[in-house]
Amino acid sequence: LHHKRCWLSLTEQAILDNAGNKVTPLGLQFGSLPALAVGTYFDDYVSPVLESVDLNMSSLELILIFSEVVNTSTLDVSSFALQSVKDISAPQLLHHTLTL
């Protein structure tokens, strides 16, 4: 995205007020009002940090919590490994690694 070419559009299902009223849609594809131009745009120069991991073996879910929004289409599960020890470089420990 570029700050001079960034607009927000939304459907009426995007959010409700406290009384249950739908938001007025933005973007001519959704309603009669044009999309709203972004007023302030900040480039992202910060790398995301993995802050926590939850593993649910019943539902077979691995939940990753990052410090910021990430692009899920760039996720490469072959880059992950679950292991039985914190540091596999410790020579005295027998460990198991599962590559996803």
N, C-alpha and C. Protein backbone atom coordinates (compact mmCIF):
# COMPACT_ATOMS: atom_id res chain seq x y z
N LEU A 1 0.84 -1.19 0.00
CA LEU A 1 0.00 0.00 0.00
C LEU A 1 0.87 1.24 0.00
N HIS A 2 0.39 2.26 -0.60
CA HIS A 2 1.06 3.55 -0.63
C HIS A 2 0.09 4.58 -0.06
N HIS A 3 0.62 5.54 0.71
CA HIS A 3 -0.26 6.48 1.41
C HIS A 3 -1.14 7.31 0.47
N LYS A 4 -0.73 7.51 -0.76
CA LYS A 4 -1.55 8.28 -1.69
C LYS A 4 -2.54 7.40 -2.44
N ARG A 5 -2.45 6.08 -2.24
CA ARG A 5 -3.36 5.15 -2.91
C ARG A 5 -3.95 4.18 -1.90
N CYS A 6 -4.50 4.70 -0.82
CA CYS A 6 -5.03 3.82 0.23
C CYS A 6 -6.39 4.36 0.70
N TRP A 7 -7.42 3.55 0.47
CA TRP A 7 -8.78 3.90 0.86
C TRP A 7 -9.40 2.73 1.61
N LEU A 8 -10.35 3.06 2.47
CA LEU A 8 -11.06 2.03 3.22
C LEU A 8 -12.48 1.91 2.69
N SER A 9 -12.86 0.69 2.38
CA SER A 9 -14.25 0.42 2.05
C SER A 9 -14.74 -0.65 3.02
N LEU A 10 -16.04 -0.68 3.26
CA LEU A 10 -16.60 -1.67 4.17
C LEU A 10 -18.06 -1.91 3.87
N THR A 11 -18.51 -3.10 4.20
CA THR A 11 -19.92 -3.44 4.02
C THR A 11 -20.68 -3.07 5.29
N GLU A 12 -22.00 -3.11 5.20
CA GLU A 12 -22.82 -2.78 6.38
C GLU A 12 -22.70 -3.84 7.47
N GLN A 13 -22.15 -5.01 7.15
CA GLN A 13 -21.96 -6.06 8.14
C GLN A 13 -20.66 -5.87 8.95
N ALA A 14 -19.87 -4.87 8.62
CA ALA A 14 -18.56 -4.69 9.24
C ALA A 14 -18.64 -4.43 10.74
N ILE A 15 -19.64 -3.68 11.19
CA ILE A 15 -19.73 -3.33 12.61
C ILE A 15 -21.13 -2.82 12.93
N LEU A 16 -21.54 -2.96 14.17
CA LEU A 16 -22.83 -2.47 14.66
C LEU A 16 -22.59 -1.47 15.78
N ASP A 17 -23.52 -0.52 15.96
CA ASP A 17 -23.43 0.34 17.13
C ASP A 17 -24.08 -0.36 18.32
N ASN A 18 -24.11 0.28 19.47
CA ASN A 18 -24.64 -0.35 20.69
C ASN A 18 -26.12 -0.69 20.59
N ALA A 19 -26.85 -0.02 19.69
CA ALA A 19 -28.28 -0.30 19.53
C ALA A 19 -28.53 -1.36 18.46
N GLY A 20 -27.45 -1.86 17.84
CA GLY A 20 -27.59 -2.90 16.82
C GLY A 20 -27.74 -2.37 15.41
N ASN A 21 -27.56 -1.05 15.21
CA ASN A 21 -27.66 -0.47 13.88
C ASN A 21 -26.40 -0.75 13.08
N LYS A 22 -26.58 -1.10 11.81
CA LYS A 22 -25.45 -1.41 10.94
C LYS A 22 -24.74 -0.12 10.52
N VAL A 23 -23.45 -0.21 10.28
CA VAL A 23 -22.67 0.92 9.79
C VAL A 23 -23.09 1.24 8.35
N THR A 24 -22.98 2.49 7.97
CA THR A 24 -23.24 2.88 6.59
C THR A 24 -22.09 2.37 5.72
N PRO A 25 -22.39 1.61 4.68
CA PRO A 25 -21.32 1.05 3.85
C PRO A 25 -20.53 2.14 3.13
N LEU A 26 -19.24 1.88 2.94
CA LEU A 26 -18.36 2.78 2.20
C LEU A 26 -17.79 2.02 1.01
N GLY A 27 -17.64 2.72 -0.08
CA GLY A 27 -17.15 2.09 -1.31
C GLY A 27 -18.32 1.88 -2.23
N LEU A 28 -18.23 2.39 -3.43
CA LEU A 28 -19.36 2.35 -4.36
C LEU A 28 -19.80 0.93 -4.68
N GLN A 29 -18.91 -0.06 -4.48
CA GLN A 29 -19.31 -1.44 -4.71
C GLN A 29 -20.26 -1.94 -3.62
N PHE A 30 -20.32 -1.23 -2.48
CA PHE A 30 -21.17 -1.65 -1.35
C PHE A 30 -22.34 -0.72 -1.09
N GLY A 31 -22.28 0.52 -1.57
CA GLY A 31 -23.33 1.49 -1.29
C GLY A 31 -23.16 2.73 -2.13
N SER A 32 -23.75 3.83 -1.66
CA SER A 32 -23.73 5.05 -2.45
C SER A 32 -22.60 6.00 -2.07
N LEU A 33 -21.89 5.73 -0.98
CA LEU A 33 -20.78 6.59 -0.56
C LEU A 33 -19.46 6.04 -1.07
N PRO A 34 -18.53 6.92 -1.48
CA PRO A 34 -17.22 6.44 -1.92
C PRO A 34 -16.39 5.93 -0.75
N ALA A 35 -15.35 5.19 -1.06
CA ALA A 35 -14.42 4.72 -0.02
C ALA A 35 -13.78 5.93 0.65
N LEU A 36 -13.33 5.74 1.88
CA LEU A 36 -12.75 6.83 2.68
C LEU A 36 -11.23 6.80 2.56
N ALA A 37 -10.64 7.93 2.18
CA ALA A 37 -9.18 8.01 2.05
C ALA A 37 -8.53 7.94 3.43
N VAL A 38 -7.41 7.24 3.51
CA VAL A 38 -6.66 7.15 4.75
C VAL A 38 -6.05 8.52 5.05
N GLY A 39 -6.28 9.04 6.26
CA GLY A 39 -5.78 10.36 6.63
C GLY A 39 -4.32 10.35 7.01
N THR A 40 -3.92 9.39 7.82
CA THR A 40 -2.53 9.28 8.27
C THR A 40 -2.05 7.87 7.97
N TYR A 41 -0.91 7.77 7.37
CA TYR A 41 -0.36 6.47 6.96
C TYR A 41 1.04 6.35 7.54
N PHE A 42 1.33 5.25 8.22
CA PHE A 42 2.65 4.99 8.77
C PHE A 42 3.23 3.75 8.11
N ASP A 43 4.39 3.87 7.49
CA ASP A 43 5.07 2.70 6.93
C ASP A 43 5.47 1.77 8.06
N ASP A 44 5.53 0.49 7.77
CA ASP A 44 5.89 -0.53 8.76
C ASP A 44 7.33 -0.95 8.54
N TYR A 45 8.19 -0.63 9.49
CA TYR A 45 9.60 -1.01 9.42
C TYR A 45 9.97 -2.00 10.53
N VAL A 46 8.98 -2.44 11.31
CA VAL A 46 9.23 -3.29 12.47
C VAL A 46 8.91 -4.74 12.11
N SER A 47 9.83 -5.63 12.42
CA SER A 47 9.59 -7.05 12.19
C SER A 47 8.69 -7.61 13.27
N PRO A 48 7.78 -8.52 12.91
CA PRO A 48 6.92 -9.12 13.94
C PRO A 48 7.73 -10.04 14.85
N VAL A 49 7.28 -10.14 16.08
CA VAL A 49 7.91 -11.01 17.08
C VAL A 49 6.88 -12.03 17.52
N LEU A 50 7.24 -13.31 17.52
CA LEU A 50 6.35 -14.34 18.04
C LEU A 50 6.36 -14.23 19.55
N GLU A 51 5.20 -13.88 20.15
CA GLU A 51 5.14 -13.62 21.58
C GLU A 51 4.70 -14.82 22.40
N SER A 52 3.84 -15.66 21.83
CA SER A 52 3.43 -16.86 22.57
C SER A 52 2.92 -17.91 21.60
N VAL A 53 2.91 -19.15 22.09
CA VAL A 53 2.47 -20.30 21.30
C VAL A 53 1.55 -21.15 22.18
N ASP A 54 0.42 -21.56 21.63
CA ASP A 54 -0.48 -22.50 22.30
C ASP A 54 -0.62 -23.72 21.40
N LEU A 55 -0.57 -24.90 22.00
CA LEU A 55 -0.71 -26.14 21.25
C LEU A 55 -1.86 -26.93 21.86
N ASN A 56 -2.88 -27.21 21.05
CA ASN A 56 -4.04 -27.97 21.49
C ASN A 56 -4.04 -29.28 20.72
N MET A 57 -3.66 -30.36 21.38
CA MET A 57 -3.58 -31.66 20.71
C MET A 57 -4.96 -32.27 20.46
N SER A 58 -5.99 -31.84 21.20
CA SER A 58 -7.34 -32.34 20.95
C SER A 58 -7.89 -31.83 19.63
N SER A 59 -7.68 -30.53 19.37
CA SER A 59 -8.19 -29.94 18.14
C SER A 59 -7.12 -29.85 17.05
N LEU A 60 -5.91 -30.29 17.38
CA LEU A 60 -4.78 -30.24 16.44
C LEU A 60 -4.52 -28.82 15.94
N GLU A 61 -4.56 -27.86 16.89
CA GLU A 61 -4.33 -26.46 16.56
C GLU A 61 -3.03 -25.97 17.19
N LEU A 62 -2.27 -25.26 16.41
CA LEU A 62 -1.09 -24.54 16.88
C LEU A 62 -1.42 -23.06 16.72
N ILE A 63 -1.52 -22.35 17.84
CA ILE A 63 -1.93 -20.95 17.81
C ILE A 63 -0.69 -20.10 18.07
N LEU A 64 -0.40 -19.21 17.12
CA LEU A 64 0.77 -18.35 17.20
C LEU A 64 0.30 -16.92 17.44
N ILE A 65 0.83 -16.27 18.47
CA ILE A 65 0.47 -14.89 18.79
C ILE A 65 1.67 -14.00 18.48
N PHE A 66 1.49 -13.07 17.56
CA PHE A 66 2.56 -12.17 17.15
C PHE A 66 2.36 -10.77 17.72
N SER A 67 3.42 -9.99 17.73
CA SER A 67 3.40 -8.63 18.26
C SER A 67 2.64 -7.67 17.37
N GLU A 68 2.38 -8.06 16.13
CA GLU A 68 1.65 -7.21 15.19
C GLU A 68 0.93 -8.10 14.18
N VAL A 69 0.09 -7.52 13.39
CA VAL A 69 -0.63 -8.25 12.36
C VAL A 69 0.38 -8.78 11.35
N VAL A 70 0.19 -10.04 10.94
CA VAL A 70 1.08 -10.65 9.95
C VAL A 70 0.27 -11.08 8.73
N ASN A 71 0.96 -11.25 7.62
CA ASN A 71 0.34 -11.69 6.38
C ASN A 71 0.30 -13.22 6.39
N THR A 72 -0.85 -13.80 6.65
CA THR A 72 -0.96 -15.25 6.80
C THR A 72 -0.65 -16.00 5.51
N SER A 73 -0.77 -15.34 4.38
CA SER A 73 -0.47 -16.04 3.12
C SER A 73 1.02 -16.31 2.96
N THR A 74 1.86 -15.68 3.80
CA THR A 74 3.30 -15.92 3.74
C THR A 74 3.76 -17.00 4.70
N LEU A 75 2.83 -17.60 5.45
CA LEU A 75 3.18 -18.63 6.43
C LEU A 75 3.74 -19.86 5.73
N ASP A 76 4.90 -20.30 6.17
CA ASP A 76 5.55 -21.49 5.62
C ASP A 76 5.71 -22.50 6.75
N VAL A 77 4.76 -23.44 6.85
CA VAL A 77 4.78 -24.39 7.96
C VAL A 77 6.00 -25.30 7.92
N SER A 78 6.65 -25.44 6.78
CA SER A 78 7.86 -26.26 6.73
C SER A 78 9.03 -25.60 7.45
N SER A 79 8.86 -24.33 7.85
CA SER A 79 9.90 -23.62 8.59
C SER A 79 9.75 -23.77 10.10
N PHE A 80 8.70 -24.48 10.54
CA PHE A 80 8.45 -24.67 11.97
C PHE A 80 8.88 -26.07 12.39
N ALA A 81 9.25 -26.21 13.65
CA ALA A 81 9.53 -27.52 14.22
C ALA A 81 9.09 -27.51 15.68
N LEU A 82 8.39 -28.55 16.10
CA LEU A 82 8.07 -28.76 17.51
C LEU A 82 9.12 -29.72 18.04
N GLN A 83 9.71 -29.39 19.18
CA GLN A 83 10.77 -30.24 19.72
C GLN A 83 10.55 -30.47 21.20
N SER A 84 11.15 -31.52 21.70
CA SER A 84 10.91 -31.94 23.09
C SER A 84 11.83 -31.27 24.09
N VAL A 85 12.79 -30.48 23.65
CA VAL A 85 13.67 -29.74 24.56
C VAL A 85 13.77 -28.30 24.07
N LYS A 86 14.10 -27.41 25.00
CA LYS A 86 14.19 -25.99 24.66
C LYS A 86 15.35 -25.70 23.71
N ASP A 87 16.49 -26.31 23.98
CA ASP A 87 17.70 -26.04 23.20
C ASP A 87 18.25 -27.35 22.67
N ILE A 88 18.09 -27.61 21.38
CA ILE A 88 18.55 -28.89 20.82
C ILE A 88 20.06 -28.96 20.68
N SER A 89 20.76 -27.86 21.00
CA SER A 89 22.22 -27.90 20.91
C SER A 89 22.85 -28.53 22.16
N ALA A 90 22.03 -28.77 23.20
CA ALA A 90 22.56 -29.40 24.42
C ALA A 90 22.89 -30.86 24.12
N PRO A 91 24.16 -31.26 24.11
CA PRO A 91 24.56 -32.60 23.67
C PRO A 91 24.12 -33.73 24.58
N GLN A 92 23.89 -33.47 25.86
CA GLN A 92 23.56 -34.54 26.78
C GLN A 92 22.09 -34.91 26.75
N LEU A 93 21.27 -34.17 26.03
CA LEU A 93 19.84 -34.43 26.05
C LEU A 93 19.39 -35.16 24.78
N LEU A 94 18.58 -36.17 24.98
CA LEU A 94 17.92 -36.84 23.87
C LEU A 94 16.68 -36.00 23.52
N HIS A 95 16.52 -35.70 22.27
CA HIS A 95 15.38 -34.86 21.90
C HIS A 95 14.68 -35.42 20.67
N HIS A 96 13.45 -34.99 20.51
CA HIS A 96 12.64 -35.37 19.35
C HIS A 96 12.18 -34.08 18.68
N THR A 97 12.21 -34.05 17.39
CA THR A 97 11.76 -32.88 16.63
C THR A 97 10.72 -33.32 15.62
N LEU A 98 9.64 -32.57 15.55
CA LEU A 98 8.59 -32.83 14.58
C LEU A 98 8.52 -31.62 13.66
N THR A 99 8.81 -31.81 12.39
CA THR A 99 8.68 -30.74 11.42
C THR A 99 7.29 -30.75 10.87
N LEU A 100 6.67 -29.58 10.85
CA LEU A 100 5.28 -29.46 10.37
C LEU A 100 5.23 -29.41 8.87
